[in-house]
Amino acid sequence: MITIQNLDEFLNSLFGDTLAKTRTFDPELGNGKQLELRGDIKKISVGVTLTEDFITESLRGGADTLVVHHGLKISAPHQIFLPFHTKRLDPLFRHHVNVYGFHGALDMHQVIGNNAVIARELGGTLVEPYFDQFGWVVDLPSPRNQQELAKQLSDLTNHDVFSIFSQKETVKR
């Protein structure tokens, strides 16, 4: 078992400057702790999006803390909680579940971020931030056919990829 303070310290050290940057330029993205409802943590569930299904399965597995990429979007000062919010929040409050969301931090992080990991898996290296730092310009080791690269990305992520191809057949950056 760990305490929430231990987890806070670990996550803050893991994300470091990246976390601080995301909080500065867009505080609504929900980067960091979003719900603190218990102090002692026995089981953490990690996922992509804080959906009803993810919450249900995490609770079924005994998780008391959830760490996700897409957490709660908090838009101060006029946040309105709609019925779909209530369906997500109710079990979290009933079961005293902590929630951490790292949207921008995982988009931007140069080592463990989703974009950085995908770039490495494709054999590329990060060059510079792109799209307000939510993406990266990547250098590939050699030019690749655009359609083959899209297929490789689809296979890697186990997800359909929406692609708009340029007139050039290959891409290196």
C-alpha atoms as a PDB file:
ATOM      1  CA  MET A   1       0.000   0.000   0.000  1.00  0.00           C
ATOM      2  CA  ILE A   2       1.119   3.587  -0.675  1.00  0.00           C
ATOM      3  CA  THR A   3      -0.281   6.924   0.346  1.00  0.00           C
ATOM      4  CA  ILE A   4      -1.723   9.485  -2.005  1.00  0.00           C
ATOM      5  CA  GLN A   5       1.158  11.771  -1.037  1.00  0.00           C
ATOM      6  CA  ASN A   6       3.628   9.100  -2.252  1.00  0.00           C
ATOM      7  CA  LEU A   7       1.779   8.816  -5.556  1.00  0.00           C
ATOM      8  CA  ASP A   8       1.634  12.613  -5.928  1.00  0.00           C
ATOM      9  CA  GLU A   9       5.393  12.859  -5.384  1.00  0.00           C
ATOM     10  CA  PHE A  10       6.116  10.064  -7.846  1.00  0.00           C
ATOM     11  CA  LEU A  11       3.852  11.444 -10.600  1.00  0.00           C
ATOM     12  CA  ASN A  12       5.113  14.999 -10.107  1.00  0.00           C
ATOM     13  CA  SER A  13       8.718  13.806 -10.406  1.00  0.00           C
ATOM     14  CA  LEU A  14       7.852  11.623 -13.418  1.00  0.00           C
ATOM     15  CA  PHE A  15       6.183  14.421 -15.374  1.00  0.00           C
ATOM     16  CA  GLY A  16       8.286  17.267 -13.941  1.00  0.00           C
ATOM     17  CA  ASP A  17       8.456  20.348 -16.153  1.00  0.00           C
ATOM     18  CA  THR A  18       5.996  18.891 -18.653  1.00  0.00           C
ATOM     19  CA  LEU A  19       3.272  18.889 -16.019  1.00  0.00           C
ATOM     20  CA  ALA A  20       4.032  22.452 -15.016  1.00  0.00           C
ATOM     21  CA  LYS A  21       3.879  23.609 -18.676  1.00  0.00           C
ATOM     22  CA  THR A  22       0.494  22.018 -19.318  1.00  0.00           C
ATOM     23  CA  ARG A  23      -1.003  23.578 -16.207  1.00  0.00           C
ATOM     24  CA  THR A  24       0.214  26.992 -17.340  1.00  0.00           C
ATOM     25  CA  PHE A  25      -0.989  27.164 -20.936  1.00  0.00           C
ATOM     26  CA  ASP A  26      -4.269  25.265 -20.578  1.00  0.00           C
ATOM     27  CA  PRO A  27      -5.479  24.636 -17.028  1.00  0.00           C
ATOM     28  CA  GLU A  28      -8.725  23.037 -18.273  1.00  0.00           C
ATOM     29  CA  LEU A  29      -6.961  19.953 -19.623  1.00  0.00           C
ATOM     30  CA  GLY A  30      -6.969  18.278 -16.246  1.00  0.00           C
ATOM     31  CA  ASN A  31      -3.328  17.429 -15.703  1.00  0.00           C
ATOM     32  CA  GLY A  32      -2.650  15.911 -12.322  1.00  0.00           C
ATOM     33  CA  LYS A  33      -4.877  14.936  -9.428  1.00  0.00           C
ATOM     34  CA  GLN A  34      -8.552  15.560 -10.172  1.00  0.00           C
ATOM     35  CA  LEU A  35     -10.326  13.768  -7.324  1.00  0.00           C
ATOM     36  CA  GLU A  36      -8.814  12.966  -3.951  1.00  0.00           C
ATOM     37  CA  LEU A  37     -11.219  10.790  -2.014  1.00  0.00           C
ATOM     38  CA  ARG A  38      -8.903   8.515  -0.004  1.00  0.00           C
ATOM     39  CA  GLY A  39      -5.442   8.689   1.493  1.00  0.00           C
ATOM     40  CA  ASP A  40      -4.260   5.061   1.298  1.00  0.00           C
ATOM     41  CA  ILE A  41      -3.941   3.415  -2.108  1.00  0.00           C
ATOM     42  CA  LYS A  42      -4.009  -0.350  -2.577  1.00  0.00           C
ATOM     43  CA  LYS A  43      -4.657  -0.779  -6.304  1.00  0.00           C
ATOM     44  CA  ILE A  44      -4.216   1.540  -9.302  1.00  0.00           C
ATOM     45  CA  SER A  45      -5.955   1.102 -12.635  1.00  0.00           C
ATOM     46  CA  VAL A  46      -4.381   2.784 -15.672  1.00  0.00           C
ATOM     47  CA  GLY A  47      -6.334   3.578 -18.838  1.00  0.00           C
ATOM     48  CA  VAL A  48      -6.837   5.905 -21.752  1.00  0.00           C
ATOM     49  CA  THR A  49     -10.213   7.531 -21.050  1.00  0.00           C
ATOM     50  CA  LEU A  50     -12.315   7.877 -17.909  1.00  0.00           C
ATOM     51  CA  THR A  51     -15.407   6.215 -19.389  1.00  0.00           C
ATOM     52  CA  GLU A  52     -18.226   4.504 -17.530  1.00  0.00           C
ATOM     53  CA  ASP A  53     -16.927   1.129 -18.734  1.00  0.00           C
ATOM     54  CA  PHE A  54     -13.385   1.866 -17.570  1.00  0.00           C
ATOM     55  CA  ILE A  55     -14.657   2.968 -14.156  1.00  0.00           C
ATOM     56  CA  THR A  56     -16.910  -0.095 -13.814  1.00  0.00           C
ATOM     57  CA  GLU A  57     -14.159  -2.542 -14.780  1.00  0.00           C
ATOM     58  CA  SER A  58     -11.619  -0.795 -12.552  1.00  0.00           C
ATOM     59  CA  LEU A  59     -13.976  -0.996  -9.574  1.00  0.00           C
ATOM     60  CA  ARG A  60     -14.722  -4.638 -10.374  1.00  0.00           C
ATOM     61  CA  GLY A  61     -10.955  -5.250 -10.274  1.00  0.00           C
ATOM     62  CA  GLY A  62     -10.644  -3.586  -6.885  1.00  0.00           C
ATOM     63  CA  ALA A  63      -8.964  -0.338  -7.953  1.00  0.00           C
ATOM     64  CA  ASP A  64      -9.179   2.625  -5.611  1.00  0.00           C
ATOM     65  CA  THR A  65      -7.172   5.018  -7.803  1.00  0.00           C
ATOM     66  CA  LEU A  66      -7.502   5.654 -11.540  1.00  0.00           C
ATOM     67  CA  VAL A  67      -4.770   7.180 -13.712  1.00  0.00           C
ATOM     68  CA  VAL A  68      -5.869   8.094 -17.243  1.00  0.00           C
ATOM     69  CA  HIS A  69      -4.888  10.129 -20.288  1.00  0.00           C
ATOM     70  CA  HIS A  70      -8.372  11.627 -20.784  1.00  0.00           C
ATOM     71  CA  GLY A  71      -9.653  12.487 -17.330  1.00  0.00           C
ATOM     72  CA  LEU A  72     -12.228  15.005 -16.184  1.00  0.00           C
ATOM     73  CA  LYS A  73     -12.291  18.263 -18.139  1.00  0.00           C
ATOM     74  CA  ILE A  74     -12.592  21.007 -15.579  1.00  0.00           C
ATOM     75  CA  SER A  75     -13.712  24.330 -17.033  1.00  0.00           C
ATOM     76  CA  ALA A  76     -13.812  26.923 -14.314  1.00  0.00           C
ATOM     77  CA  PRO A  77     -15.711  28.953 -13.326  1.00  0.00           C
ATOM     78  CA  HIS A  78     -18.832  27.797 -15.214  1.00  0.00           C
ATOM     79  CA  GLN A  79     -18.556  23.995 -15.268  1.00  0.00           C
ATOM     80  CA  ILE A  80     -21.946  22.381 -15.634  1.00  0.00           C
ATOM     81  CA  PHE A  81     -22.186  18.697 -14.827  1.00  0.00           C
ATOM     82  CA  LEU A  82     -24.487  16.953 -17.281  1.00  0.00           C
ATOM     83  CA  PRO A  83     -26.122  13.514 -16.826  1.00  0.00           C
ATOM     84  CA  PHE A  84     -23.172  11.707 -18.433  1.00  0.00           C
ATOM     85  CA  HIS A  85     -20.857  13.401 -15.909  1.00  0.00           C
ATOM     86  CA  THR A  86     -23.050  12.187 -13.067  1.00  0.00           C
ATOM     87  CA  LYS A  87     -22.871   8.596 -14.342  1.00  0.00           C
ATOM     88  CA  ARG A  88     -19.085   8.820 -14.166  1.00  0.00           C
ATOM     89  CA  LEU A  89     -18.785  10.779 -10.930  1.00  0.00           C
ATOM     90  CA  ASP A  90     -21.354   8.886  -8.850  1.00  0.00           C
ATOM     91  CA  PRO A  91     -19.433   5.579  -8.574  1.00  0.00           C
ATOM     92  CA  LEU A  92     -16.189   7.452  -7.952  1.00  0.00           C
ATOM     93  CA  PHE A  93     -17.699   9.267  -4.977  1.00  0.00           C
ATOM     94  CA  ARG A  94     -19.588   6.205  -3.714  1.00  0.00           C
ATOM     95  CA  HIS A  95     -16.414   4.088  -3.711  1.00  0.00           C
ATOM     96  CA  HIS A  96     -14.021   6.894  -2.702  1.00  0.00           C
ATOM     97  CA  VAL A  97     -11.870   6.556  -5.830  1.00  0.00           C
ATOM     98  CA  ASN A  98      -9.008   8.938  -6.575  1.00  0.00           C
ATOM     99  CA  VAL A  99      -8.624  10.159 -10.168  1.00  0.00           C
ATOM    100  CA  TYR A 100      -5.571  11.496 -11.982  1.00  0.00           C
ATOM    101  CA  GLY A 101      -5.688  12.724 -15.572  1.00  0.00           C
ATOM    102  CA  PHE A 102      -2.656  13.526 -17.705  1.00  0.00           C
ATOM    103  CA  HIS A 103      -3.905  14.757 -21.051  1.00  0.00           C
ATOM    104  CA  GLY A 104      -1.449  17.414 -22.173  1.00  0.00           C
ATOM    105  CA  ALA A 105       1.337  15.945 -20.063  1.00  0.00           C
ATOM    106  CA  LEU A 106       1.148  12.630 -21.922  1.00  0.00           C
ATOM    107  CA  ASP A 107       0.826  14.345 -25.301  1.00  0.00           C
ATOM    108  CA  MET A 108       3.932  16.417 -24.622  1.00  0.00           C
ATOM    109  CA  HIS A 109       6.307  14.273 -22.561  1.00  0.00           C
ATOM    110  CA  GLN A 110       9.492  13.487 -24.489  1.00  0.00           C
ATOM    111  CA  VAL A 111      10.082  10.053 -22.968  1.00  0.00           C
ATOM    112  CA  ILE A 112       6.874   8.407 -21.746  1.00  0.00           C
ATOM    113  CA  GLY A 113       4.367  10.494 -23.726  1.00  0.00           C
ATOM    114  CA  ASN A 114       2.107   8.712 -26.204  1.00  0.00           C
ATOM    115  CA  ASN A 115       3.549  10.669 -29.144  1.00  0.00           C
ATOM    116  CA  ALA A 116       7.146   9.969 -28.073  1.00  0.00           C
ATOM    117  CA  VAL A 117       6.505   6.253 -27.625  1.00  0.00           C
ATOM    118  CA  ILE A 118       4.795   5.975 -31.026  1.00  0.00           C
ATOM    119  CA  ALA A 119       7.650   7.881 -32.686  1.00  0.00           C
ATOM    120  CA  ARG A 120      10.197   5.474 -31.143  1.00  0.00           C
ATOM    121  CA  GLU A 121       8.156   2.435 -32.189  1.00  0.00           C
ATOM    122  CA  LEU A 122       8.173   3.761 -35.755  1.00  0.00           C
ATOM    123  CA  GLY A 123      11.963   4.142 -35.556  1.00  0.00           C
ATOM    124  CA  GLY A 124      11.835   7.938 -35.458  1.00  0.00           C
ATOM    125  CA  THR A 125      13.370  10.605 -33.271  1.00  0.00           C
ATOM    126  CA  LEU A 126      11.666  13.690 -31.869  1.00  0.00           C
ATOM    127  CA  VAL A 127      12.808  16.939 -33.490  1.00  0.00           C
ATOM    128  CA  GLU A 128      10.625  19.736 -32.120  1.00  0.00           C
ATOM    129  CA  PRO A 129       7.186  20.348 -30.616  1.00  0.00           C
ATOM    130  CA  TYR A 130       4.276  20.781 -32.990  1.00  0.00           C
ATOM    131  CA  PHE A 131       0.686  22.065 -32.632  1.00  0.00           C
ATOM    132  CA  ASP A 132       1.098  24.018 -29.391  1.00  0.00           C
ATOM    133  CA  GLN A 133       3.321  21.245 -28.033  1.00  0.00           C
ATOM    134  CA  PHE A 134       0.598  18.594 -28.273  1.00  0.00           C
ATOM    135  CA  GLY A 135       2.496  16.760 -30.965  1.00  0.00           C
ATOM    136  CA  TRP A 136       6.007  16.301 -32.247  1.00  0.00           C
ATOM    137  CA  VAL A 137       7.802  16.674 -35.534  1.00  0.00           C
ATOM    138  CA  VAL A 138       9.552  13.341 -36.038  1.00  0.00           C
ATOM    139  CA  ASP A 139      12.516  12.382 -38.204  1.00  0.00           C
ATOM    140  CA  LEU A 140      12.317   8.857 -39.589  1.00  0.00           C
ATOM    141  CA  PRO A 141      15.583   7.039 -40.304  1.00  0.00           C
ATOM    142  CA  SER A 142      14.739   6.817 -44.011  1.00  0.00           C
ATOM    143  CA  PRO A 143      11.880   7.914 -46.287  1.00  0.00           C
ATOM    144  CA  ARG A 144       8.753   5.754 -45.954  1.00  0.00           C
ATOM    145  CA  ASN A 145       5.785   5.236 -48.194  1.00  0.00           C
ATOM    146  CA  GLN A 146       2.918   7.252 -46.683  1.00  0.00           C
ATOM    147  CA  GLN A 147       0.344   4.478 -47.024  1.00  0.00           C
ATOM    148  CA  GLU A 148       2.688   1.885 -45.517  1.00  0.00           C
ATOM    149  CA  LEU A 149       3.462   4.257 -42.635  1.00  0.00           C
ATOM    150  CA  ALA A 150      -0.270   4.759 -41.999  1.00  0.00           C
ATOM    151  CA  LYS A 151      -0.757   0.969 -41.997  1.00  0.00           C
ATOM    152  CA  GLN A 152       2.161   0.515 -39.582  1.00  0.00           C
ATOM    153  CA  LEU A 153       0.674   3.160 -37.285  1.00  0.00           C
ATOM    154  CA  SER A 154      -2.740   1.470 -37.453  1.00  0.00           C
ATOM    155  CA  ASP A 155      -1.183  -1.888 -36.571  1.00  0.00           C
ATOM    156  CA  LEU A 156       0.838  -0.331 -33.745  1.00  0.00           C
ATOM    157  CA  THR A 157      -2.139   1.399 -32.136  1.00  0.00           C
ATOM    158  CA  ASN A 158      -4.729  -1.258 -33.019  1.00  0.00           C
ATOM    159  CA  HIS A 159      -6.877   1.583 -34.295  1.00  0.00           C
ATOM    160  CA  ASP A 160      -8.011   2.959 -37.641  1.00  0.00           C
ATOM    161  CA  VAL A 161      -5.868   5.882 -38.770  1.00  0.00           C
ATOM    162  CA  PHE A 162      -7.303   8.887 -40.591  1.00  0.00           C
ATOM    163  CA  SER A 163      -4.709  10.027 -43.113  1.00  0.00           C
ATOM    164  CA  ILE A 164      -4.504  12.822 -45.634  1.00  0.00           C
ATOM    165  CA  PHE A 165      -1.689  12.019 -48.009  1.00  0.00           C
ATOM    166  CA  SER A 166       0.424  14.619 -49.775  1.00  0.00           C
ATOM    167  CA  GLN A 167       1.346  14.341 -53.424  1.00  0.00           C
ATOM    168  CA  LYS A 168       4.712  12.905 -52.460  1.00  0.00           C
ATOM    169  CA  GLU A 169       4.713   9.131 -52.067  1.00  0.00           C
ATOM    170  CA  THR A 170       7.204   9.056 -49.231  1.00  0.00           C
ATOM    171  CA  VAL A 171       7.755  10.976 -46.038  1.00  0.00           C
ATOM    172  CA  LYS A 172      10.825  11.294 -43.815  1.00  0.00           C
ATOM    173  CA  ARG A 173       9.740  14.129 -41.480  1.00  0.00           C
END
